[in-house]
N, C-alpha and C. Protein backbone atom coordinates (compact mmCIF):
# COMPACT_ATOMS: atom_id res chain seq x y z
N MET A 1 -51.60 -45.05 20.05
CA MET A 1 -52.65 -44.97 19.07
C MET A 1 -52.75 -43.53 18.60
N PRO A 2 -52.70 -43.25 17.25
CA PRO A 2 -52.76 -41.89 16.74
C PRO A 2 -54.16 -41.30 16.86
N ILE A 3 -54.17 -40.03 17.21
CA ILE A 3 -55.43 -39.30 17.22
C ILE A 3 -55.24 -38.02 16.40
N GLU A 4 -56.33 -37.43 15.98
CA GLU A 4 -56.26 -36.22 15.18
C GLU A 4 -56.52 -35.01 16.07
N MET A 5 -55.69 -33.97 15.83
CA MET A 5 -55.79 -32.76 16.64
C MET A 5 -55.69 -31.54 15.73
N SER A 6 -56.16 -30.39 16.25
CA SER A 6 -55.98 -29.12 15.56
C SER A 6 -54.59 -28.58 15.90
N ILE A 7 -54.23 -27.51 15.25
CA ILE A 7 -52.91 -26.92 15.54
C ILE A 7 -52.85 -26.49 17.00
N GLN A 8 -53.90 -25.86 17.49
CA GLN A 8 -53.91 -25.38 18.87
C GLN A 8 -53.82 -26.55 19.86
N GLN A 9 -54.56 -27.64 19.59
CA GLN A 9 -54.53 -28.80 20.47
C GLN A 9 -53.14 -29.45 20.46
N ALA A 10 -52.53 -29.55 19.28
CA ALA A 10 -51.18 -30.14 19.18
C ALA A 10 -50.17 -29.26 19.91
N ALA A 11 -50.36 -27.96 19.85
CA ALA A 11 -49.46 -27.04 20.54
C ALA A 11 -49.55 -27.26 22.04
N GLU A 12 -50.77 -27.42 22.57
CA GLU A 12 -50.95 -27.67 24.00
C GLU A 12 -50.40 -29.05 24.38
N TYR A 13 -50.63 -30.03 23.53
CA TYR A 13 -50.17 -31.38 23.82
C TYR A 13 -48.63 -31.44 23.89
N PHE A 14 -47.97 -30.79 22.92
CA PHE A 14 -46.50 -30.82 22.89
C PHE A 14 -45.88 -29.70 23.75
N ASN A 15 -46.73 -28.84 24.29
CA ASN A 15 -46.28 -27.73 25.13
C ASN A 15 -45.35 -26.80 24.34
N VAL A 16 -45.79 -26.44 23.13
CA VAL A 16 -45.06 -25.51 22.26
C VAL A 16 -46.07 -24.52 21.69
N SER A 17 -45.57 -23.55 20.94
CA SER A 17 -46.47 -22.56 20.34
C SER A 17 -47.10 -23.13 19.07
N ALA A 18 -48.20 -22.48 18.65
CA ALA A 18 -48.87 -22.88 17.42
C ALA A 18 -47.93 -22.69 16.23
N GLN A 19 -47.10 -21.66 16.28
CA GLN A 19 -46.13 -21.41 15.21
C GLN A 19 -45.14 -22.57 15.10
N THR A 20 -44.70 -23.12 16.23
CA THR A 20 -43.76 -24.25 16.21
C THR A 20 -44.44 -25.47 15.58
N VAL A 21 -45.73 -25.68 15.88
CA VAL A 21 -46.47 -26.81 15.28
C VAL A 21 -46.53 -26.62 13.77
N ARG A 22 -46.82 -25.39 13.30
CA ARG A 22 -46.86 -25.14 11.85
C ARG A 22 -45.48 -25.39 11.22
N ARG A 23 -44.46 -24.95 11.90
CA ARG A 23 -43.10 -25.15 11.37
C ARG A 23 -42.78 -26.65 11.27
N ARG A 24 -43.18 -27.41 12.29
CA ARG A 24 -42.93 -28.87 12.27
C ARG A 24 -43.75 -29.54 11.17
N LEU A 25 -44.91 -29.02 10.89
CA LEU A 25 -45.70 -29.56 9.76
C LEU A 25 -44.97 -29.30 8.44
N ASN A 26 -44.45 -28.09 8.30
CA ASN A 26 -43.76 -27.72 7.06
C ASN A 26 -42.47 -28.50 6.87
N THR A 27 -41.78 -28.83 7.96
CA THR A 27 -40.51 -29.57 7.84
C THR A 27 -40.72 -31.08 7.85
N GLY A 28 -41.94 -31.54 8.11
CA GLY A 28 -42.20 -32.98 8.08
C GLY A 28 -41.99 -33.65 9.42
N GLN A 29 -41.75 -32.89 10.48
CA GLN A 29 -41.58 -33.49 11.80
C GLN A 29 -42.92 -33.97 12.37
N LEU A 30 -44.01 -33.35 11.92
CA LEU A 30 -45.35 -33.79 12.32
C LEU A 30 -46.12 -34.14 11.05
N LEU A 31 -47.00 -35.13 11.18
CA LEU A 31 -47.84 -35.54 10.05
C LEU A 31 -49.19 -34.85 10.17
N GLY A 32 -49.67 -34.33 9.05
CA GLY A 32 -50.97 -33.69 9.07
C GLY A 32 -51.44 -33.42 7.66
N LYS A 33 -52.74 -33.01 7.59
CA LYS A 33 -53.30 -32.67 6.30
C LYS A 33 -54.31 -31.56 6.49
N LYS A 34 -54.61 -30.87 5.42
CA LYS A 34 -55.58 -29.80 5.48
C LYS A 34 -56.95 -30.35 5.11
N VAL A 35 -57.89 -30.04 5.96
CA VAL A 35 -59.28 -30.43 5.70
C VAL A 35 -60.12 -29.16 5.80
N LYS A 36 -60.74 -28.77 4.67
CA LYS A 36 -61.55 -27.57 4.58
C LYS A 36 -60.77 -26.34 5.06
N GLY A 37 -59.49 -26.27 4.67
CA GLY A 37 -58.66 -25.11 4.97
C GLY A 37 -58.04 -25.12 6.36
N ARG A 38 -58.29 -26.21 7.15
CA ARG A 38 -57.72 -26.29 8.49
C ARG A 38 -56.86 -27.53 8.60
N TRP A 39 -55.78 -27.38 9.37
CA TRP A 39 -54.87 -28.50 9.56
C TRP A 39 -55.46 -29.51 10.54
N VAL A 40 -55.28 -30.79 10.16
CA VAL A 40 -55.61 -31.90 11.07
C VAL A 40 -54.32 -32.67 11.25
N ILE A 41 -53.86 -32.76 12.50
CA ILE A 41 -52.55 -33.35 12.78
C ILE A 41 -52.76 -34.70 13.45
N LYS A 42 -52.02 -35.71 12.97
CA LYS A 42 -52.08 -37.04 13.58
C LYS A 42 -50.97 -37.12 14.61
N VAL A 43 -51.34 -37.42 15.84
CA VAL A 43 -50.39 -37.48 16.94
C VAL A 43 -50.47 -38.85 17.57
N ASP A 44 -49.31 -39.51 17.75
CA ASP A 44 -49.25 -40.82 18.41
C ASP A 44 -49.21 -40.57 19.91
N THR A 45 -50.30 -40.90 20.57
CA THR A 45 -50.40 -40.64 22.00
C THR A 45 -49.82 -41.77 22.83
N SER A 46 -49.35 -42.84 22.21
CA SER A 46 -48.79 -43.95 22.98
C SER A 46 -47.42 -43.58 23.56
N VAL A 47 -46.77 -42.60 22.97
CA VAL A 47 -45.48 -42.13 23.49
C VAL A 47 -45.72 -40.78 24.15
N PRO A 48 -45.35 -40.64 25.40
CA PRO A 48 -45.58 -39.36 26.08
C PRO A 48 -44.80 -38.23 25.39
N PRO A 49 -45.41 -37.09 25.20
CA PRO A 49 -44.77 -36.01 24.47
C PRO A 49 -43.57 -35.43 25.21
N LEU A 50 -43.58 -35.48 26.53
CA LEU A 50 -42.49 -34.90 27.29
C LEU A 50 -41.19 -35.65 27.01
N ASP A 51 -41.27 -36.99 27.00
CA ASP A 51 -40.07 -37.78 26.74
C ASP A 51 -39.53 -37.49 25.34
N GLU A 52 -40.47 -37.39 24.41
CA GLU A 52 -40.06 -37.11 23.03
C GLU A 52 -39.37 -35.75 22.95
N ARG A 53 -39.97 -34.78 23.65
CA ARG A 53 -39.40 -33.45 23.63
C ARG A 53 -38.03 -33.44 24.32
N GLU A 54 -37.92 -34.08 25.43
CA GLU A 54 -36.63 -34.13 26.13
C GLU A 54 -35.59 -34.85 25.29
N GLN A 55 -36.01 -35.95 24.61
CA GLN A 55 -35.09 -36.68 23.74
C GLN A 55 -34.62 -35.77 22.61
N GLY A 56 -35.55 -35.01 22.07
CA GLY A 56 -35.19 -34.07 21.01
C GLY A 56 -34.21 -33.03 21.51
N ARG A 57 -34.43 -32.57 22.75
CA ARG A 57 -33.50 -31.59 23.31
C ARG A 57 -32.12 -32.20 23.52
N GLU A 58 -32.08 -33.43 24.01
CA GLU A 58 -30.78 -34.08 24.22
C GLU A 58 -30.06 -34.29 22.90
N ASP A 59 -30.82 -34.77 21.89
CA ASP A 59 -30.22 -34.97 20.58
C ASP A 59 -29.72 -33.65 20.01
N SER A 60 -30.57 -32.63 20.11
CA SER A 60 -30.16 -31.35 19.54
C SER A 60 -29.01 -30.74 20.34
N ALA A 61 -28.98 -30.95 21.66
CA ALA A 61 -27.87 -30.45 22.47
C ALA A 61 -26.58 -31.15 22.06
N GLN A 62 -26.67 -32.46 21.84
CA GLN A 62 -25.48 -33.20 21.41
C GLN A 62 -25.06 -32.73 20.01
N ASP A 63 -26.04 -32.54 19.12
CA ASP A 63 -25.73 -32.04 17.78
C ASP A 63 -25.09 -30.66 17.86
N ILE A 64 -25.65 -29.82 18.75
CA ILE A 64 -25.10 -28.47 18.92
C ILE A 64 -23.67 -28.56 19.42
N ASP A 65 -23.41 -29.46 20.41
CA ASP A 65 -22.05 -29.62 20.92
C ASP A 65 -21.11 -30.06 19.81
N GLU A 66 -21.56 -31.04 18.98
CA GLU A 66 -20.71 -31.51 17.88
C GLU A 66 -20.49 -30.40 16.85
N VAL A 67 -21.59 -29.72 16.51
CA VAL A 67 -21.48 -28.64 15.55
C VAL A 67 -20.60 -27.53 16.12
N SER A 68 -20.81 -27.22 17.38
CA SER A 68 -20.02 -26.16 18.01
C SER A 68 -18.56 -26.54 18.04
N THR A 69 -18.25 -27.77 18.41
CA THR A 69 -16.85 -28.21 18.46
C THR A 69 -16.24 -28.17 17.07
N ASP A 70 -16.96 -28.67 16.08
CA ASP A 70 -16.45 -28.63 14.71
C ASP A 70 -16.28 -27.19 14.23
N SER A 71 -17.26 -26.36 14.53
CA SER A 71 -17.18 -24.96 14.11
C SER A 71 -16.01 -24.26 14.79
N ILE A 72 -15.86 -24.54 16.07
CA ILE A 72 -14.75 -23.92 16.82
C ILE A 72 -13.42 -24.36 16.23
N LEU A 73 -13.28 -25.64 15.94
CA LEU A 73 -12.03 -26.14 15.35
C LEU A 73 -11.78 -25.48 14.00
N LYS A 74 -12.83 -25.40 13.19
CA LYS A 74 -12.67 -24.76 11.88
C LYS A 74 -12.30 -23.29 12.03
N LEU A 75 -12.95 -22.61 12.97
CA LEU A 75 -12.64 -21.20 13.18
C LEU A 75 -11.21 -21.03 13.70
N GLN A 76 -10.78 -21.92 14.60
CA GLN A 76 -9.41 -21.85 15.10
C GLN A 76 -8.40 -22.07 13.97
N GLN A 77 -8.70 -23.04 13.10
CA GLN A 77 -7.82 -23.28 11.96
C GLN A 77 -7.78 -22.07 11.04
N GLU A 78 -8.94 -21.47 10.82
CA GLU A 78 -9.01 -20.28 9.96
C GLU A 78 -8.24 -19.13 10.60
N ILE A 79 -8.37 -18.99 11.92
CA ILE A 79 -7.63 -17.95 12.63
C ILE A 79 -6.13 -18.18 12.48
N GLN A 80 -5.69 -19.41 12.66
CA GLN A 80 -4.26 -19.73 12.52
C GLN A 80 -3.78 -19.44 11.10
N ARG A 81 -4.60 -19.81 10.12
CA ARG A 81 -4.24 -19.55 8.73
C ARG A 81 -4.12 -18.04 8.49
N LEU A 82 -5.05 -17.28 9.03
CA LEU A 82 -5.01 -15.83 8.86
C LEU A 82 -3.82 -15.21 9.59
N ILE A 83 -3.48 -15.75 10.76
CA ILE A 83 -2.32 -15.25 11.50
C ILE A 83 -1.05 -15.50 10.69
N VAL A 84 -0.92 -16.70 10.15
CA VAL A 84 0.25 -17.03 9.33
C VAL A 84 0.30 -16.12 8.10
N GLN A 85 -0.85 -15.93 7.47
CA GLN A 85 -0.92 -15.06 6.29
C GLN A 85 -0.52 -13.64 6.68
N PHE A 86 -1.02 -13.17 7.81
CA PHE A 86 -0.69 -11.82 8.28
C PHE A 86 0.81 -11.71 8.56
N GLN A 87 1.38 -12.70 9.24
CA GLN A 87 2.80 -12.66 9.56
C GLN A 87 3.65 -12.69 8.29
N ASN A 88 3.25 -13.51 7.32
CA ASN A 88 3.98 -13.56 6.05
C ASN A 88 3.92 -12.22 5.33
N GLU A 89 2.74 -11.62 5.31
CA GLU A 89 2.59 -10.32 4.66
C GLU A 89 3.39 -9.25 5.40
N LYS A 90 3.37 -9.31 6.71
CA LYS A 90 4.14 -8.36 7.53
C LYS A 90 5.63 -8.50 7.23
N THR A 91 6.12 -9.74 7.19
CA THR A 91 7.53 -9.99 6.89
C THR A 91 7.87 -9.49 5.49
N ARG A 92 6.98 -9.76 4.53
CA ARG A 92 7.22 -9.32 3.16
C ARG A 92 7.31 -7.78 3.09
N LEU A 93 6.40 -7.12 3.79
CA LEU A 93 6.40 -5.66 3.77
C LEU A 93 7.63 -5.09 4.47
N ILE A 94 8.06 -5.72 5.56
CA ILE A 94 9.27 -5.26 6.26
C ILE A 94 10.49 -5.43 5.35
N ASN A 95 10.58 -6.58 4.69
CA ASN A 95 11.71 -6.81 3.77
C ASN A 95 11.67 -5.83 2.61
N GLN A 96 10.50 -5.58 2.09
CA GLN A 96 10.36 -4.62 0.99
C GLN A 96 10.77 -3.23 1.45
N GLN A 97 10.37 -2.87 2.67
CA GLN A 97 10.73 -1.56 3.21
C GLN A 97 12.25 -1.45 3.40
N LYS A 98 12.88 -2.53 3.90
CA LYS A 98 14.34 -2.52 4.06
C LYS A 98 15.03 -2.36 2.71
N GLN A 99 14.55 -3.12 1.73
CA GLN A 99 15.15 -3.06 0.40
C GLN A 99 15.00 -1.66 -0.19
N GLU A 100 13.83 -1.08 -0.05
CA GLU A 100 13.62 0.27 -0.57
C GLU A 100 14.49 1.27 0.18
N GLY A 101 14.68 1.06 1.50
CA GLY A 101 15.55 1.93 2.28
C GLY A 101 16.99 1.85 1.81
N GLU A 102 17.44 0.61 1.51
CA GLU A 102 18.81 0.44 1.00
C GLU A 102 18.96 1.09 -0.37
N GLU A 103 17.94 0.92 -1.23
CA GLU A 103 17.99 1.54 -2.55
C GLU A 103 18.01 3.06 -2.43
N ASN A 104 17.20 3.58 -1.50
CA ASN A 104 17.19 5.03 -1.29
C ASN A 104 18.54 5.52 -0.79
N ALA A 105 19.16 4.77 0.12
CA ALA A 105 20.48 5.16 0.65
C ALA A 105 21.51 5.18 -0.48
N LYS A 106 21.48 4.16 -1.35
CA LYS A 106 22.40 4.11 -2.48
C LYS A 106 22.17 5.31 -3.41
N PHE A 107 20.92 5.59 -3.68
CA PHE A 107 20.57 6.70 -4.56
C PHE A 107 21.04 8.02 -3.96
N ILE A 108 20.81 8.20 -2.66
CA ILE A 108 21.23 9.44 -1.99
C ILE A 108 22.75 9.57 -2.04
N ALA A 109 23.47 8.45 -1.81
CA ALA A 109 24.94 8.49 -1.88
C ALA A 109 25.40 8.86 -3.29
N GLN A 110 24.75 8.29 -4.30
CA GLN A 110 25.10 8.59 -5.69
C GLN A 110 24.84 10.07 -6.01
N VAL A 111 23.70 10.57 -5.56
CA VAL A 111 23.37 11.98 -5.82
C VAL A 111 24.36 12.89 -5.10
N GLU A 112 24.72 12.53 -3.86
CA GLU A 112 25.69 13.34 -3.12
C GLU A 112 27.05 13.33 -3.81
N ALA A 113 27.46 12.16 -4.33
CA ALA A 113 28.74 12.08 -5.04
C ALA A 113 28.69 12.94 -6.31
N GLU A 114 27.61 12.84 -7.06
CA GLU A 114 27.47 13.66 -8.26
C GLU A 114 27.45 15.14 -7.90
N ASN A 115 26.78 15.47 -6.81
CA ASN A 115 26.70 16.86 -6.35
C ASN A 115 28.10 17.37 -5.99
N LYS A 116 28.87 16.52 -5.32
CA LYS A 116 30.24 16.89 -4.95
C LYS A 116 31.07 17.12 -6.21
N GLY A 117 30.92 16.24 -7.18
CA GLY A 117 31.63 16.39 -8.45
C GLY A 117 31.24 17.68 -9.16
N LEU A 118 29.96 17.97 -9.16
CA LEU A 118 29.49 19.20 -9.80
C LEU A 118 30.00 20.44 -9.07
N ARG A 119 30.06 20.37 -7.73
CA ARG A 119 30.61 21.50 -6.98
C ARG A 119 32.08 21.72 -7.34
N GLY A 120 32.83 20.60 -7.50
CA GLY A 120 34.24 20.71 -7.91
C GLY A 120 34.37 21.36 -9.27
N GLN A 121 33.53 20.92 -10.21
CA GLN A 121 33.57 21.51 -11.55
C GLN A 121 33.22 23.00 -11.50
N LEU A 122 32.24 23.34 -10.67
CA LEU A 122 31.84 24.74 -10.54
C LEU A 122 33.00 25.57 -9.97
N GLU A 123 33.68 25.05 -8.97
CA GLU A 123 34.82 25.77 -8.39
C GLU A 123 35.93 25.97 -9.43
N ARG A 124 36.23 24.88 -10.20
CA ARG A 124 37.27 24.99 -11.23
C ARG A 124 36.86 26.00 -12.30
N THR A 125 35.58 26.00 -12.64
CA THR A 125 35.08 26.96 -13.63
C THR A 125 35.19 28.38 -13.11
N GLU A 126 34.85 28.58 -11.85
CA GLU A 126 34.97 29.92 -11.26
C GLU A 126 36.42 30.38 -11.22
N ILE A 127 37.33 29.46 -10.89
CA ILE A 127 38.76 29.80 -10.88
C ILE A 127 39.22 30.18 -12.29
N ALA A 128 38.81 29.37 -13.28
CA ALA A 128 39.19 29.65 -14.67
C ALA A 128 38.62 30.99 -15.12
N GLN A 129 37.38 31.27 -14.71
CA GLN A 129 36.76 32.54 -15.09
C GLN A 129 37.51 33.71 -14.45
N THR A 130 37.91 33.54 -13.19
CA THR A 130 38.67 34.61 -12.51
C THR A 130 39.99 34.84 -13.22
N ARG A 131 40.67 33.75 -13.60
CA ARG A 131 41.94 33.87 -14.32
C ARG A 131 41.73 34.58 -15.67
N PHE A 132 40.69 34.16 -16.36
CA PHE A 132 40.38 34.76 -17.66
C PHE A 132 40.14 36.25 -17.51
N GLU A 133 39.35 36.64 -16.51
CA GLU A 133 39.07 38.05 -16.29
C GLU A 133 40.35 38.82 -15.95
N ALA A 134 41.25 38.18 -15.18
CA ALA A 134 42.53 38.84 -14.84
C ALA A 134 43.37 39.04 -16.10
N VAL A 135 43.41 38.01 -16.97
CA VAL A 135 44.18 38.12 -18.21
C VAL A 135 43.58 39.21 -19.10
N VAL A 136 42.28 39.27 -19.20
CA VAL A 136 41.63 40.28 -20.01
C VAL A 136 41.96 41.67 -19.48
N LEU A 137 41.90 41.84 -18.18
CA LEU A 137 42.26 43.14 -17.59
C LEU A 137 43.71 43.52 -17.89
N GLU A 138 44.60 42.53 -17.76
CA GLU A 138 46.02 42.78 -18.05
C GLU A 138 46.21 43.17 -19.50
N LEU A 139 45.52 42.48 -20.40
CA LEU A 139 45.62 42.80 -21.82
C LEU A 139 45.09 44.21 -22.10
N LYS A 140 44.03 44.58 -21.47
CA LYS A 140 43.48 45.92 -21.66
C LYS A 140 44.49 46.98 -21.20
N GLU A 141 45.14 46.68 -20.07
CA GLU A 141 46.14 47.63 -19.58
C GLU A 141 47.31 47.75 -20.56
N GLN A 142 47.74 46.61 -21.08
CA GLN A 142 48.85 46.65 -22.04
C GLN A 142 48.45 47.39 -23.31
N ILE A 143 47.23 47.16 -23.75
CA ILE A 143 46.75 47.87 -24.94
C ILE A 143 46.71 49.36 -24.67
N ASP A 144 46.25 49.73 -23.50
CA ASP A 144 46.21 51.15 -23.15
C ASP A 144 47.62 51.75 -23.13
N GLN A 145 48.57 50.98 -22.61
CA GLN A 145 49.97 51.46 -22.58
C GLN A 145 50.53 51.63 -23.99
N VAL A 146 50.23 50.69 -24.85
CA VAL A 146 50.71 50.78 -26.23
C VAL A 146 50.08 51.99 -26.92
N LYS A 147 48.81 52.21 -26.66
CA LYS A 147 48.15 53.37 -27.26
C LYS A 147 48.81 54.67 -26.79
N LEU A 148 49.15 54.68 -25.50
CA LEU A 148 49.82 55.88 -24.97
C LEU A 148 51.18 56.08 -25.64
N LYS A 149 51.90 55.02 -25.82
CA LYS A 149 53.22 55.11 -26.49
C LYS A 149 53.05 55.61 -27.91
N LEU A 150 52.02 55.10 -28.57
CA LEU A 150 51.79 55.51 -29.94
C LEU A 150 51.40 57.00 -30.03
N ASP A 151 50.70 57.44 -29.01
CA ASP A 151 50.33 58.87 -29.01
C ASP A 151 51.57 59.76 -28.89
N TYR A 152 52.60 59.27 -28.18
CA TYR A 152 53.81 60.08 -28.00
C TYR A 152 54.74 60.02 -29.20
N ILE A 153 54.59 59.00 -29.95
CA ILE A 153 55.46 58.89 -31.13
C ILE A 153 54.89 59.82 -32.20
N SER A 154 55.76 60.61 -32.76
CA SER A 154 55.26 61.52 -33.77
C SER A 154 55.11 60.77 -35.09
N PRO A 155 54.10 61.06 -35.81
CA PRO A 155 53.87 60.39 -37.07
C PRO A 155 54.94 60.71 -38.11
N ASP A 156 55.68 61.84 -38.01
CA ASP A 156 56.67 62.15 -39.02
C ASP A 156 57.94 61.34 -38.87
N LYS A 157 58.24 60.84 -37.70
CA LYS A 157 59.44 60.04 -37.54
C LYS A 157 59.20 58.57 -37.87
N MET A 158 58.01 58.17 -37.80
CA MET A 158 57.70 56.76 -37.99
C MET A 158 56.59 56.63 -39.02
N THR A 159 56.71 55.59 -39.80
CA THR A 159 55.66 55.37 -40.78
C THR A 159 54.51 54.62 -40.11
N LEU A 160 53.43 54.66 -40.78
CA LEU A 160 52.25 53.97 -40.27
C LEU A 160 52.51 52.47 -40.16
N ARG A 161 53.25 51.96 -41.10
CA ARG A 161 53.56 50.54 -41.10
C ARG A 161 54.39 50.18 -39.87
N GLN A 162 55.32 50.98 -39.48
CA GLN A 162 56.14 50.72 -38.30
C GLN A 162 55.29 50.76 -37.03
N GLN A 163 54.35 51.66 -36.98
CA GLN A 163 53.48 51.76 -35.82
C GLN A 163 52.66 50.48 -35.65
N LYS A 164 52.13 49.96 -36.74
CA LYS A 164 51.36 48.71 -36.68
C LYS A 164 52.22 47.57 -36.20
N GLN A 165 53.49 47.51 -36.67
CA GLN A 165 54.38 46.44 -36.25
C GLN A 165 54.65 46.51 -34.76
N ILE A 166 54.83 47.66 -34.23
CA ILE A 166 55.06 47.83 -32.79
C ILE A 166 53.81 47.38 -32.02
N LEU A 167 52.69 47.79 -32.52
CA LEU A 167 51.45 47.42 -31.87
C LEU A 167 51.28 45.91 -31.85
N LYS A 168 51.51 45.26 -32.98
CA LYS A 168 51.37 43.80 -33.07
C LYS A 168 52.37 43.09 -32.17
N SER A 169 53.57 43.56 -32.13
CA SER A 169 54.57 42.91 -31.29
C SER A 169 54.24 43.01 -29.82
N ASN A 170 53.70 44.12 -29.43
CA ASN A 170 53.28 44.28 -28.01
C ASN A 170 52.10 43.38 -27.66
N ILE A 171 51.21 43.21 -28.58
CA ILE A 171 50.05 42.35 -28.34
C ILE A 171 50.49 40.90 -28.22
N PHE A 172 51.40 40.43 -29.06
CA PHE A 172 51.82 39.03 -29.01
C PHE A 172 52.68 38.73 -27.79
N LYS A 173 53.26 39.72 -27.17
CA LYS A 173 54.02 39.51 -25.95
C LYS A 173 53.09 39.15 -24.79
N ILE A 174 51.93 39.57 -24.87
CA ILE A 174 50.95 39.35 -23.82
C ILE A 174 50.58 37.90 -23.84
């Protein structure tokens, strides 16, 4: 048979806090109404409150077990998915690193080959420059010798035209 109680009386009857009674009123677990600004709660006293509370605990414990098992399974699946994703990303990065390493090795080999070629060209250029300088020195010496010969030749025995011809012939021999 239902009786009417205050929040404090319902709290004592159900062996819970007044806040829990208010929360149950708000969620509809308890029936009540406000009279002159105070709650009046209808409680069925034909069912002992302890059994109801224990039943609620058993139901909620079973619900918690089901929720916990479902949550654990979902979390395990999410963990497995993340592990697979991590492993795939790790493999992708390792492959990318290997590929970049191979590309770098090819590039380094190409640069070294070009460098070797440039060193060869530089050596050939230096050799050619040394030869050129030697030829220039030899030509200067020959010119100096021709000048000396011309100095010894008297201008009265030879015409200017003959001197130029001698000079030209000596230059072309070089």
